[in-house]
Amino acid sequence: MVELASWLASLPIGQTLRRLNWLVPWLQIVHILANGIILSAVVMIDMRIWGISRSQASIAMARRFQPWIWAGLVVLTVSGIALILYAPRRVLTDVTFQVKMVVMGLAIAATVALLLALRPGKEALPGDPGGHRLASLLGTLTLVLWVGVTLAGRGRWLALMLR
């Protein structure tokens, strides 16, 4: 990991980012907002699955918020890569960052599974409690994992505060 961090630190884009250190807070803001967009979209889908919201069918709700999830994920990834390039050694060797990446991989997988479960023709019928339970379980898992990504992203700061 140290070799990868050294190589990334030597890239021209990383050197440029370190010279433009005023850009890093803006990247962090964009990164956090993208995470918030994904989390909000997941909450909206989950509220429909759990029966809290009845404005649209679960499939329609998933279809409505799916573009927000994917756009947020693209922005999250691009801003995250830029932040890694700014300080690769500090970020890549940090255990909390590694935990965040594992949890994020699981969150993306759970999100894909949830969206696949809510495709047209896959929605649970009123007489299909097993399908509804699966959607509810996937929705809950997805939300817990995205909250975990958010908390893991703050983990370094929490770890420093607890020392």
N, C-alpha and C. Protein backbone atom coordinates (compact mmCIF):
# COMPACT_ATOMS: atom_id res chain seq x y z
N MET A 1 0.83 -1.19 0.00
CA MET A 1 0.00 0.00 0.00
C MET A 1 0.87 1.25 0.00
N VAL A 2 2.01 1.18 0.69
CA VAL A 2 2.91 2.33 0.76
C VAL A 2 3.49 2.64 -0.61
N GLU A 3 3.78 1.58 -1.40
CA GLU A 3 4.32 1.80 -2.74
C GLU A 3 3.27 2.48 -3.63
N LEU A 4 2.03 2.04 -3.52
CA LEU A 4 0.95 2.67 -4.28
C LEU A 4 0.79 4.13 -3.88
N ALA A 5 0.84 4.40 -2.59
CA ALA A 5 0.71 5.77 -2.10
C ALA A 5 1.85 6.64 -2.61
N SER A 6 3.06 6.10 -2.63
CA SER A 6 4.21 6.86 -3.15
C SER A 6 4.05 7.16 -4.63
N TRP A 7 3.60 6.17 -5.37
CA TRP A 7 3.40 6.38 -6.80
C TRP A 7 2.32 7.43 -7.04
N LEU A 8 1.20 7.34 -6.31
CA LEU A 8 0.12 8.32 -6.47
C LEU A 8 0.59 9.72 -6.09
N ALA A 9 1.43 9.81 -5.06
CA ALA A 9 1.95 11.12 -4.63
C ALA A 9 2.82 11.75 -5.70
N SER A 10 3.45 10.93 -6.52
CA SER A 10 4.33 11.46 -7.56
C SER A 10 3.59 11.89 -8.83
N LEU A 11 2.32 11.56 -8.95
CA LEU A 11 1.56 11.94 -10.14
C LEU A 11 1.37 13.45 -10.20
N PRO A 12 1.41 14.01 -11.41
CA PRO A 12 1.24 15.46 -11.55
C PRO A 12 -0.08 16.00 -10.98
N ILE A 13 -1.15 15.25 -11.12
CA ILE A 13 -2.43 15.74 -10.61
C ILE A 13 -2.42 15.85 -9.09
N GLY A 14 -1.76 14.92 -8.42
CA GLY A 14 -1.64 15.00 -6.97
C GLY A 14 -0.81 16.19 -6.54
N GLN A 15 0.27 16.44 -7.27
CA GLN A 15 1.12 17.59 -6.97
C GLN A 15 0.36 18.89 -7.19
N THR A 16 -0.44 18.94 -8.23
CA THR A 16 -1.27 20.13 -8.51
C THR A 16 -2.28 20.34 -7.40
N LEU A 17 -2.93 19.27 -6.96
CA LEU A 17 -3.91 19.38 -5.87
C LEU A 17 -3.26 19.89 -4.59
N ARG A 18 -2.04 19.45 -4.31
CA ARG A 18 -1.35 19.90 -3.10
C ARG A 18 -0.97 21.38 -3.20
N ARG A 19 -0.70 21.87 -4.43
CA ARG A 19 -0.40 23.29 -4.61
C ARG A 19 -1.68 24.13 -4.48
N LEU A 20 -2.81 23.56 -4.91
CA LEU A 20 -4.10 24.25 -4.82
C LEU A 20 -4.85 23.78 -3.58
N ASN A 21 -4.22 23.91 -2.43
CA ASN A 21 -4.81 23.35 -1.22
C ASN A 21 -6.15 23.98 -0.85
N TRP A 22 -6.50 25.14 -1.42
CA TRP A 22 -7.82 25.74 -1.20
C TRP A 22 -8.92 24.89 -1.83
N LEU A 23 -8.56 24.04 -2.79
CA LEU A 23 -9.55 23.22 -3.48
C LEU A 23 -10.03 22.04 -2.62
N VAL A 24 -9.20 21.60 -1.71
CA VAL A 24 -9.53 20.42 -0.91
C VAL A 24 -10.79 20.60 -0.06
N PRO A 25 -10.99 21.72 0.64
CA PRO A 25 -12.25 21.87 1.37
C PRO A 25 -13.48 21.81 0.45
N TRP A 26 -13.36 22.35 -0.75
CA TRP A 26 -14.47 22.27 -1.70
C TRP A 26 -14.72 20.84 -2.15
N LEU A 27 -13.65 20.10 -2.36
CA LEU A 27 -13.81 18.68 -2.71
C LEU A 27 -14.47 17.91 -1.57
N GLN A 28 -14.10 18.23 -0.34
CA GLN A 28 -14.71 17.57 0.80
C GLN A 28 -16.19 17.90 0.91
N ILE A 29 -16.55 19.15 0.65
CA ILE A 29 -17.96 19.55 0.68
C ILE A 29 -18.74 18.78 -0.38
N VAL A 30 -18.22 18.73 -1.59
CA VAL A 30 -18.89 18.01 -2.68
C VAL A 30 -19.00 16.53 -2.33
N HIS A 31 -17.96 15.98 -1.76
CA HIS A 31 -17.93 14.56 -1.38
C HIS A 31 -19.00 14.25 -0.34
N ILE A 32 -19.10 15.08 0.67
CA ILE A 32 -20.10 14.88 1.73
C ILE A 32 -21.51 15.07 1.18
N LEU A 33 -21.71 16.07 0.33
CA LEU A 33 -23.03 16.29 -0.27
C LEU A 33 -23.44 15.11 -1.15
N ALA A 34 -22.51 14.54 -1.90
CA ALA A 34 -22.83 13.38 -2.74
C ALA A 34 -23.24 12.20 -1.86
N ASN A 35 -22.56 12.01 -0.75
CA ASN A 35 -22.95 10.96 0.18
C ASN A 35 -24.35 11.23 0.72
N GLY A 36 -24.65 12.49 1.00
CA GLY A 36 -25.98 12.86 1.48
C GLY A 36 -27.06 12.62 0.44
N ILE A 37 -26.75 12.84 -0.83
CA ILE A 37 -27.72 12.58 -1.90
C ILE A 37 -28.06 11.10 -1.95
N ILE A 38 -27.04 10.26 -1.90
CA ILE A 38 -27.26 8.81 -1.93
C ILE A 38 -28.07 8.38 -0.72
N LEU A 39 -27.66 8.84 0.45
CA LEU A 39 -28.36 8.48 1.68
C LEU A 39 -29.81 8.94 1.65
N SER A 40 -30.07 10.14 1.15
CA SER A 40 -31.43 10.65 1.06
C SER A 40 -32.29 9.82 0.11
N ALA A 41 -31.72 9.46 -1.04
CA ALA A 41 -32.46 8.65 -2.00
C ALA A 41 -32.80 7.28 -1.42
N VAL A 42 -31.86 6.69 -0.71
CA VAL A 42 -32.10 5.39 -0.08
C VAL A 42 -33.19 5.52 0.98
N VAL A 43 -33.16 6.59 1.76
CA VAL A 43 -34.19 6.81 2.78
C VAL A 43 -35.56 6.94 2.13
N MET A 44 -35.65 7.67 1.03
CA MET A 44 -36.95 7.86 0.36
C MET A 44 -37.49 6.52 -0.14
N ILE A 45 -36.63 5.70 -0.73
CA ILE A 45 -37.06 4.38 -1.21
C ILE A 45 -37.48 3.51 -0.03
N ASP A 46 -36.68 3.54 1.03
CA ASP A 46 -36.98 2.74 2.22
C ASP A 46 -38.30 3.16 2.87
N MET A 47 -38.57 4.45 2.90
CA MET A 47 -39.83 4.91 3.50
C MET A 47 -41.03 4.33 2.76
N ARG A 48 -40.91 4.19 1.45
CA ARG A 48 -42.01 3.59 0.68
C ARG A 48 -42.10 2.09 0.97
N ILE A 49 -40.97 1.42 1.02
CA ILE A 49 -40.96 -0.02 1.29
C ILE A 49 -41.55 -0.31 2.66
N TRP A 50 -41.20 0.53 3.65
CA TRP A 50 -41.67 0.31 5.01
C TRP A 50 -43.10 0.77 5.23
N GLY A 51 -43.69 1.40 4.19
CA GLY A 51 -45.08 1.83 4.30
C GLY A 51 -45.27 3.20 4.92
N ILE A 52 -44.22 3.91 5.19
CA ILE A 52 -44.33 5.25 5.78
C ILE A 52 -44.84 6.24 4.73
N SER A 53 -44.37 6.09 3.52
CA SER A 53 -44.80 6.94 2.40
C SER A 53 -45.68 6.11 1.48
N ARG A 54 -46.74 6.71 0.99
CA ARG A 54 -47.63 6.00 0.08
C ARG A 54 -47.86 6.78 -1.21
N SER A 55 -46.97 7.72 -1.50
CA SER A 55 -47.18 8.58 -2.65
C SER A 55 -47.03 7.85 -3.98
N GLN A 56 -46.18 6.85 -4.04
CA GLN A 56 -45.94 6.10 -5.27
C GLN A 56 -45.71 4.64 -4.90
N ALA A 57 -45.83 3.76 -5.90
CA ALA A 57 -45.49 2.36 -5.70
C ALA A 57 -43.98 2.24 -5.49
N SER A 58 -43.57 1.16 -4.88
CA SER A 58 -42.14 0.94 -4.60
C SER A 58 -41.31 0.98 -5.87
N ILE A 59 -41.82 0.38 -6.94
CA ILE A 59 -41.08 0.37 -8.22
C ILE A 59 -40.92 1.79 -8.73
N ALA A 60 -41.99 2.57 -8.69
CA ALA A 60 -41.93 3.95 -9.17
C ALA A 60 -40.98 4.77 -8.31
N MET A 61 -41.00 4.55 -7.02
CA MET A 61 -40.12 5.28 -6.11
C MET A 61 -38.65 4.93 -6.41
N ALA A 62 -38.37 3.65 -6.60
CA ALA A 62 -37.00 3.24 -6.93
C ALA A 62 -36.57 3.83 -8.26
N ARG A 63 -37.45 3.81 -9.23
CA ARG A 63 -37.13 4.36 -10.56
C ARG A 63 -36.89 5.87 -10.45
N ARG A 64 -37.66 6.54 -9.60
CA ARG A 64 -37.55 7.98 -9.43
C ARG A 64 -36.20 8.37 -8.83
N PHE A 65 -35.74 7.62 -7.84
CA PHE A 65 -34.52 7.99 -7.13
C PHE A 65 -33.26 7.29 -7.63
N GLN A 66 -33.40 6.33 -8.51
CA GLN A 66 -32.23 5.62 -9.03
C GLN A 66 -31.23 6.56 -9.71
N PRO A 67 -31.66 7.50 -10.56
CA PRO A 67 -30.67 8.41 -11.16
C PRO A 67 -29.90 9.23 -10.12
N TRP A 68 -30.57 9.60 -9.02
CA TRP A 68 -29.90 10.34 -7.96
C TRP A 68 -28.83 9.49 -7.30
N ILE A 69 -29.14 8.21 -7.11
CA ILE A 69 -28.17 7.31 -6.50
C ILE A 69 -26.94 7.18 -7.39
N TRP A 70 -27.14 6.94 -8.68
CA TRP A 70 -26.00 6.74 -9.57
C TRP A 70 -25.21 8.03 -9.78
N ALA A 71 -25.91 9.17 -9.92
CA ALA A 71 -25.19 10.44 -10.06
C ALA A 71 -24.40 10.75 -8.79
N GLY A 72 -25.02 10.51 -7.64
CA GLY A 72 -24.31 10.72 -6.38
C GLY A 72 -23.09 9.82 -6.25
N LEU A 73 -23.23 8.59 -6.72
CA LEU A 73 -22.11 7.65 -6.65
C LEU A 73 -20.96 8.09 -7.56
N VAL A 74 -21.28 8.62 -8.73
CA VAL A 74 -20.24 9.11 -9.64
C VAL A 74 -19.50 10.29 -9.00
N VAL A 75 -20.26 11.25 -8.47
CA VAL A 75 -19.65 12.42 -7.83
C VAL A 75 -18.85 12.00 -6.60
N LEU A 76 -19.39 11.07 -5.82
CA LEU A 76 -18.69 10.56 -4.65
C LEU A 76 -17.36 9.92 -5.04
N THR A 77 -17.37 9.15 -6.11
CA THR A 77 -16.15 8.47 -6.57
C THR A 77 -15.11 9.45 -7.09
N VAL A 78 -15.54 10.39 -7.93
CA VAL A 78 -14.60 11.35 -8.52
C VAL A 78 -13.99 12.24 -7.43
N SER A 79 -14.83 12.76 -6.54
CA SER A 79 -14.30 13.61 -5.47
C SER A 79 -13.43 12.79 -4.51
N GLY A 80 -13.81 11.54 -4.27
CA GLY A 80 -13.01 10.68 -3.40
C GLY A 80 -11.64 10.39 -3.98
N ILE A 81 -11.59 10.13 -5.28
CA ILE A 81 -10.30 9.89 -5.93
C ILE A 81 -9.42 11.14 -5.84
N ALA A 82 -10.02 12.30 -6.06
CA ALA A 82 -9.25 13.55 -5.95
C ALA A 82 -8.72 13.74 -4.53
N LEU A 83 -9.53 13.43 -3.54
CA LEU A 83 -9.08 13.56 -2.15
C LEU A 83 -7.97 12.55 -1.83
N ILE A 84 -8.06 11.37 -2.41
CA ILE A 84 -6.98 10.39 -2.21
C ILE A 84 -5.69 10.90 -2.84
N LEU A 85 -5.80 11.48 -4.04
CA LEU A 85 -4.62 11.99 -4.72
C LEU A 85 -3.97 13.16 -3.98
N TYR A 86 -4.76 13.88 -3.21
CA TYR A 86 -4.21 15.01 -2.44
C TYR A 86 -3.26 14.51 -1.35
N ALA A 87 -3.64 13.45 -0.65
CA ALA A 87 -2.80 12.93 0.45
C ALA A 87 -2.84 11.40 0.43
N PRO A 88 -2.25 10.77 -0.58
CA PRO A 88 -2.39 9.31 -0.72
C PRO A 88 -1.80 8.51 0.43
N ARG A 89 -0.65 8.91 0.94
CA ARG A 89 -0.03 8.12 2.01
C ARG A 89 -0.88 8.16 3.27
N ARG A 90 -1.35 9.34 3.64
CA ARG A 90 -2.17 9.47 4.85
C ARG A 90 -3.49 8.71 4.71
N VAL A 91 -4.11 8.80 3.54
CA VAL A 91 -5.43 8.19 3.35
C VAL A 91 -5.34 6.67 3.19
N LEU A 92 -4.49 6.20 2.31
CA LEU A 92 -4.45 4.77 1.99
C LEU A 92 -3.94 3.90 3.12
N THR A 93 -3.14 4.47 4.00
CA THR A 93 -2.62 3.67 5.12
C THR A 93 -3.50 3.79 6.37
N ASP A 94 -4.55 4.57 6.29
CA ASP A 94 -5.47 4.77 7.41
C ASP A 94 -6.46 3.61 7.49
N VAL A 95 -6.54 2.96 8.63
CA VAL A 95 -7.43 1.81 8.82
C VAL A 95 -8.90 2.23 8.67
N THR A 96 -9.24 3.42 9.15
CA THR A 96 -10.64 3.85 9.02
C THR A 96 -11.03 4.03 7.55
N PHE A 97 -10.09 4.47 6.72
CA PHE A 97 -10.37 4.59 5.29
C PHE A 97 -10.57 3.21 4.67
N GLN A 98 -9.76 2.26 5.07
CA GLN A 98 -9.90 0.90 4.55
C GLN A 98 -11.23 0.29 4.96
N VAL A 99 -11.65 0.55 6.18
CA VAL A 99 -12.97 0.09 6.65
C VAL A 99 -14.06 0.75 5.81
N LYS A 100 -13.91 2.05 5.58
CA LYS A 100 -14.89 2.79 4.78
C LYS A 100 -15.02 2.17 3.39
N MET A 101 -13.92 1.80 2.78
CA MET A 101 -13.97 1.24 1.43
C MET A 101 -14.67 -0.12 1.41
N VAL A 102 -14.45 -0.93 2.43
CA VAL A 102 -15.12 -2.23 2.52
C VAL A 102 -16.62 -2.02 2.71
N VAL A 103 -16.98 -1.14 3.63
CA VAL A 103 -18.39 -0.87 3.89
C VAL A 103 -19.05 -0.26 2.65
N MET A 104 -18.32 0.60 1.95
CA MET A 104 -18.88 1.20 0.74
C MET A 104 -19.11 0.16 -0.35
N GLY A 105 -18.19 -0.77 -0.50
CA GLY A 105 -18.40 -1.86 -1.46
C GLY A 105 -19.64 -2.67 -1.13
N LEU A 106 -19.83 -2.96 0.15
CA LEU A 106 -21.03 -3.69 0.59
C LEU A 106 -22.28 -2.84 0.38
N ALA A 107 -22.19 -1.53 0.63
CA ALA A 107 -23.34 -0.64 0.45
C ALA A 107 -23.74 -0.56 -1.03
N ILE A 108 -22.76 -0.50 -1.91
CA ILE A 108 -23.07 -0.47 -3.34
C ILE A 108 -23.73 -1.77 -3.76
N ALA A 109 -23.19 -2.89 -3.29
CA ALA A 109 -23.78 -4.19 -3.63
C ALA A 109 -25.21 -4.30 -3.11
N ALA A 110 -25.44 -3.85 -1.88
CA ALA A 110 -26.79 -3.89 -1.30
C ALA A 110 -27.74 -2.96 -2.06
N THR A 111 -27.24 -1.80 -2.49
CA THR A 111 -28.06 -0.86 -3.25
C THR A 111 -28.46 -1.46 -4.59
N VAL A 112 -27.51 -2.09 -5.27
CA VAL A 112 -27.81 -2.75 -6.55
C VAL A 112 -28.84 -3.85 -6.33
N ALA A 113 -28.66 -4.65 -5.28
CA ALA A 113 -29.62 -5.72 -4.99
C ALA A 113 -31.01 -5.15 -4.72
N LEU A 114 -31.08 -4.06 -3.98
CA LEU A 114 -32.36 -3.43 -3.68
C LEU A 114 -33.03 -2.93 -4.96
N LEU A 115 -32.26 -2.25 -5.80
CA LEU A 115 -32.83 -1.73 -7.04
C LEU A 115 -33.25 -2.86 -7.99
N LEU A 116 -32.50 -3.96 -7.99
CA LEU A 116 -32.90 -5.11 -8.80
C LEU A 116 -34.17 -5.76 -8.26
N ALA A 117 -34.30 -5.78 -6.94
CA ALA A 117 -35.49 -6.36 -6.33
C ALA A 117 -36.73 -5.52 -6.62
N LEU A 118 -36.52 -4.23 -6.91
CA LEU A 118 -37.65 -3.33 -7.16
C LEU A 118 -37.83 -3.03 -8.64
N ARG A 119 -37.31 -3.88 -9.50
CA ARG A 119 -37.54 -3.72 -10.95
C ARG A 119 -38.99 -4.02 -11.27
N PRO A 120 -39.49 -3.46 -12.38
CA PRO A 120 -40.85 -3.81 -12.80
C PRO A 120 -40.99 -5.32 -12.97
N GLY A 121 -42.09 -5.85 -12.48
CA GLY A 121 -42.34 -7.29 -12.54
C GLY A 121 -41.80 -8.03 -11.33
N LYS A 122 -41.02 -7.34 -10.50
CA LYS A 122 -40.42 -7.98 -9.32
C LYS A 122 -41.08 -7.52 -8.02
N GLU A 123 -41.97 -6.52 -8.11
CA GLU A 123 -42.56 -5.97 -6.89
C GLU A 123 -43.43 -7.02 -6.20
N ALA A 124 -43.31 -7.02 -4.91
CA ALA A 124 -44.09 -7.96 -4.11
C ALA A 124 -45.58 -7.63 -4.22
N LEU A 125 -46.37 -8.62 -4.44
CA LEU A 125 -47.81 -8.44 -4.48
C LEU A 125 -48.34 -8.44 -3.06
N PRO A 126 -49.56 -7.90 -2.85
CA PRO A 126 -50.09 -7.88 -1.48
C PRO A 126 -50.11 -9.25 -0.82
N GLY A 127 -50.28 -10.31 -1.61
CA GLY A 127 -50.31 -11.66 -1.03
C GLY A 127 -48.94 -12.31 -0.99
N ASP A 128 -47.88 -11.54 -1.19
CA ASP A 128 -46.52 -12.09 -1.23
C ASP A 128 -45.69 -11.48 -0.10
N PRO A 129 -45.92 -11.90 1.14
CA PRO A 129 -45.19 -11.30 2.25
C PRO A 129 -43.69 -11.58 2.19
N GLY A 130 -43.30 -12.68 1.59
CA GLY A 130 -41.87 -12.99 1.50
C GLY A 130 -41.13 -11.97 0.65
N GLY A 131 -41.75 -11.54 -0.47
CA GLY A 131 -41.13 -10.54 -1.33
C GLY A 131 -41.03 -9.20 -0.64
N HIS A 132 -42.07 -8.86 0.11
CA HIS A 132 -42.04 -7.59 0.85
C HIS A 132 -40.99 -7.63 1.95
N ARG A 133 -40.88 -8.76 2.62
CA ARG A 133 -39.86 -8.90 3.67
C ARG A 133 -38.46 -8.78 3.09
N LEU A 134 -38.24 -9.38 1.92
CA LEU A 134 -36.93 -9.28 1.27
C LEU A 134 -36.62 -7.83 0.92
N ALA A 135 -37.58 -7.12 0.33
CA ALA A 135 -37.37 -5.71 -0.01
C ALA A 135 -37.12 -4.88 1.25
N SER A 136 -37.87 -5.16 2.30
CA SER A 136 -37.69 -4.45 3.56
C SER A 136 -36.32 -4.72 4.15
N LEU A 137 -35.89 -5.98 4.12
CA LEU A 137 -34.57 -6.35 4.63
C LEU A 137 -33.47 -5.68 3.81
N LEU A 138 -33.59 -5.73 2.48
CA LEU A 138 -32.58 -5.09 1.62
C LEU A 138 -32.56 -3.58 1.84
N GLY A 139 -33.74 -2.98 2.00
CA GLY A 139 -33.80 -1.54 2.24
C GLY A 139 -33.13 -1.17 3.55
N THR A 140 -33.40 -1.93 4.59
CA THR A 140 -32.79 -1.67 5.89
C THR A 140 -31.28 -1.87 5.83
N LEU A 141 -30.85 -2.96 5.20
CA LEU A 141 -29.42 -3.23 5.07
C LEU A 141 -28.72 -2.12 4.29
N THR A 142 -29.34 -1.69 3.21
CA THR A 142 -28.75 -0.62 2.40
C THR A 142 -28.59 0.65 3.21
N LEU A 143 -29.63 1.00 3.95
CA LEU A 143 -29.57 2.22 4.77
C LEU A 143 -28.49 2.11 5.84
N VAL A 144 -28.44 0.98 6.53
CA VAL A 144 -27.44 0.78 7.59
C VAL A 144 -26.02 0.87 7.01
N LEU A 145 -25.83 0.27 5.84
CA LEU A 145 -24.49 0.30 5.23
C LEU A 145 -24.10 1.71 4.79
N TRP A 146 -25.04 2.49 4.21
CA TRP A 146 -24.70 3.85 3.80
C TRP A 146 -24.46 4.76 5.01
N VAL A 147 -25.18 4.54 6.09
CA VAL A 147 -24.89 5.27 7.32
C VAL A 147 -23.50 4.85 7.82
N GLY A 148 -23.17 3.57 7.68
CA GLY A 148 -21.83 3.10 8.05
C GLY A 148 -20.74 3.75 7.23
N VAL A 149 -20.98 3.94 5.94
CA VAL A 149 -20.02 4.64 5.08
C VAL A 149 -19.81 6.06 5.60
N THR A 150 -20.91 6.71 5.93
CA THR A 150 -20.85 8.09 6.44
C THR A 150 -20.04 8.14 7.74
N LEU A 151 -20.34 7.24 8.66
CA LEU A 151 -19.63 7.24 9.94
C LEU A 151 -18.17 6.83 9.77
N ALA A 152 -17.91 5.89 8.89
CA ALA A 152 -16.52 5.48 8.65
C ALA A 152 -15.72 6.62 8.04
N GLY A 153 -16.38 7.43 7.22
CA GLY A 153 -15.72 8.60 6.65
C GLY A 153 -15.32 9.61 7.71
N ARG A 154 -16.05 9.63 8.79
CA ARG A 154 -15.72 10.52 9.91
C ARG A 154 -14.88 9.79 10.95
N GLY A 155 -14.60 8.54 10.72
CA GLY A 155 -13.89 7.71 11.69
C GLY A 155 -12.54 8.23 12.09
N ARG A 156 -11.80 8.79 11.15
CA ARG A 156 -10.47 9.31 11.47
C ARG A 156 -10.59 10.45 12.48
N TRP A 157 -11.59 11.31 12.27
CA TRP A 157 -11.78 12.43 13.18
C TRP A 157 -12.26 11.93 14.54
N LEU A 158 -13.13 10.95 14.54
CA LEU A 158 -13.60 10.38 15.81
C LEU A 158 -12.45 9.72 16.56
N ALA A 159 -11.60 8.98 15.83
CA ALA A 159 -10.46 8.31 16.46
C ALA A 159 -9.49 9.33 17.07
N LEU A 160 -9.30 10.45 16.38
CA LEU A 160 -8.40 11.48 16.92
C LEU A 160 -9.00 12.14 18.17
N MET A 161 -10.31 12.31 18.16
CA MET A 161 -10.98 12.93 19.31
C MET A 161 -10.95 12.03 20.54
N LEU A 162 -10.99 10.71 20.33
CA LEU A 162 -11.04 9.78 21.44
C LEU A 162 -9.68 9.46 22.03
N ARG A 163 -8.62 9.94 21.43
CA ARG A 163 -7.28 9.65 21.94
C ARG A 163 -6.99 10.41 23.19
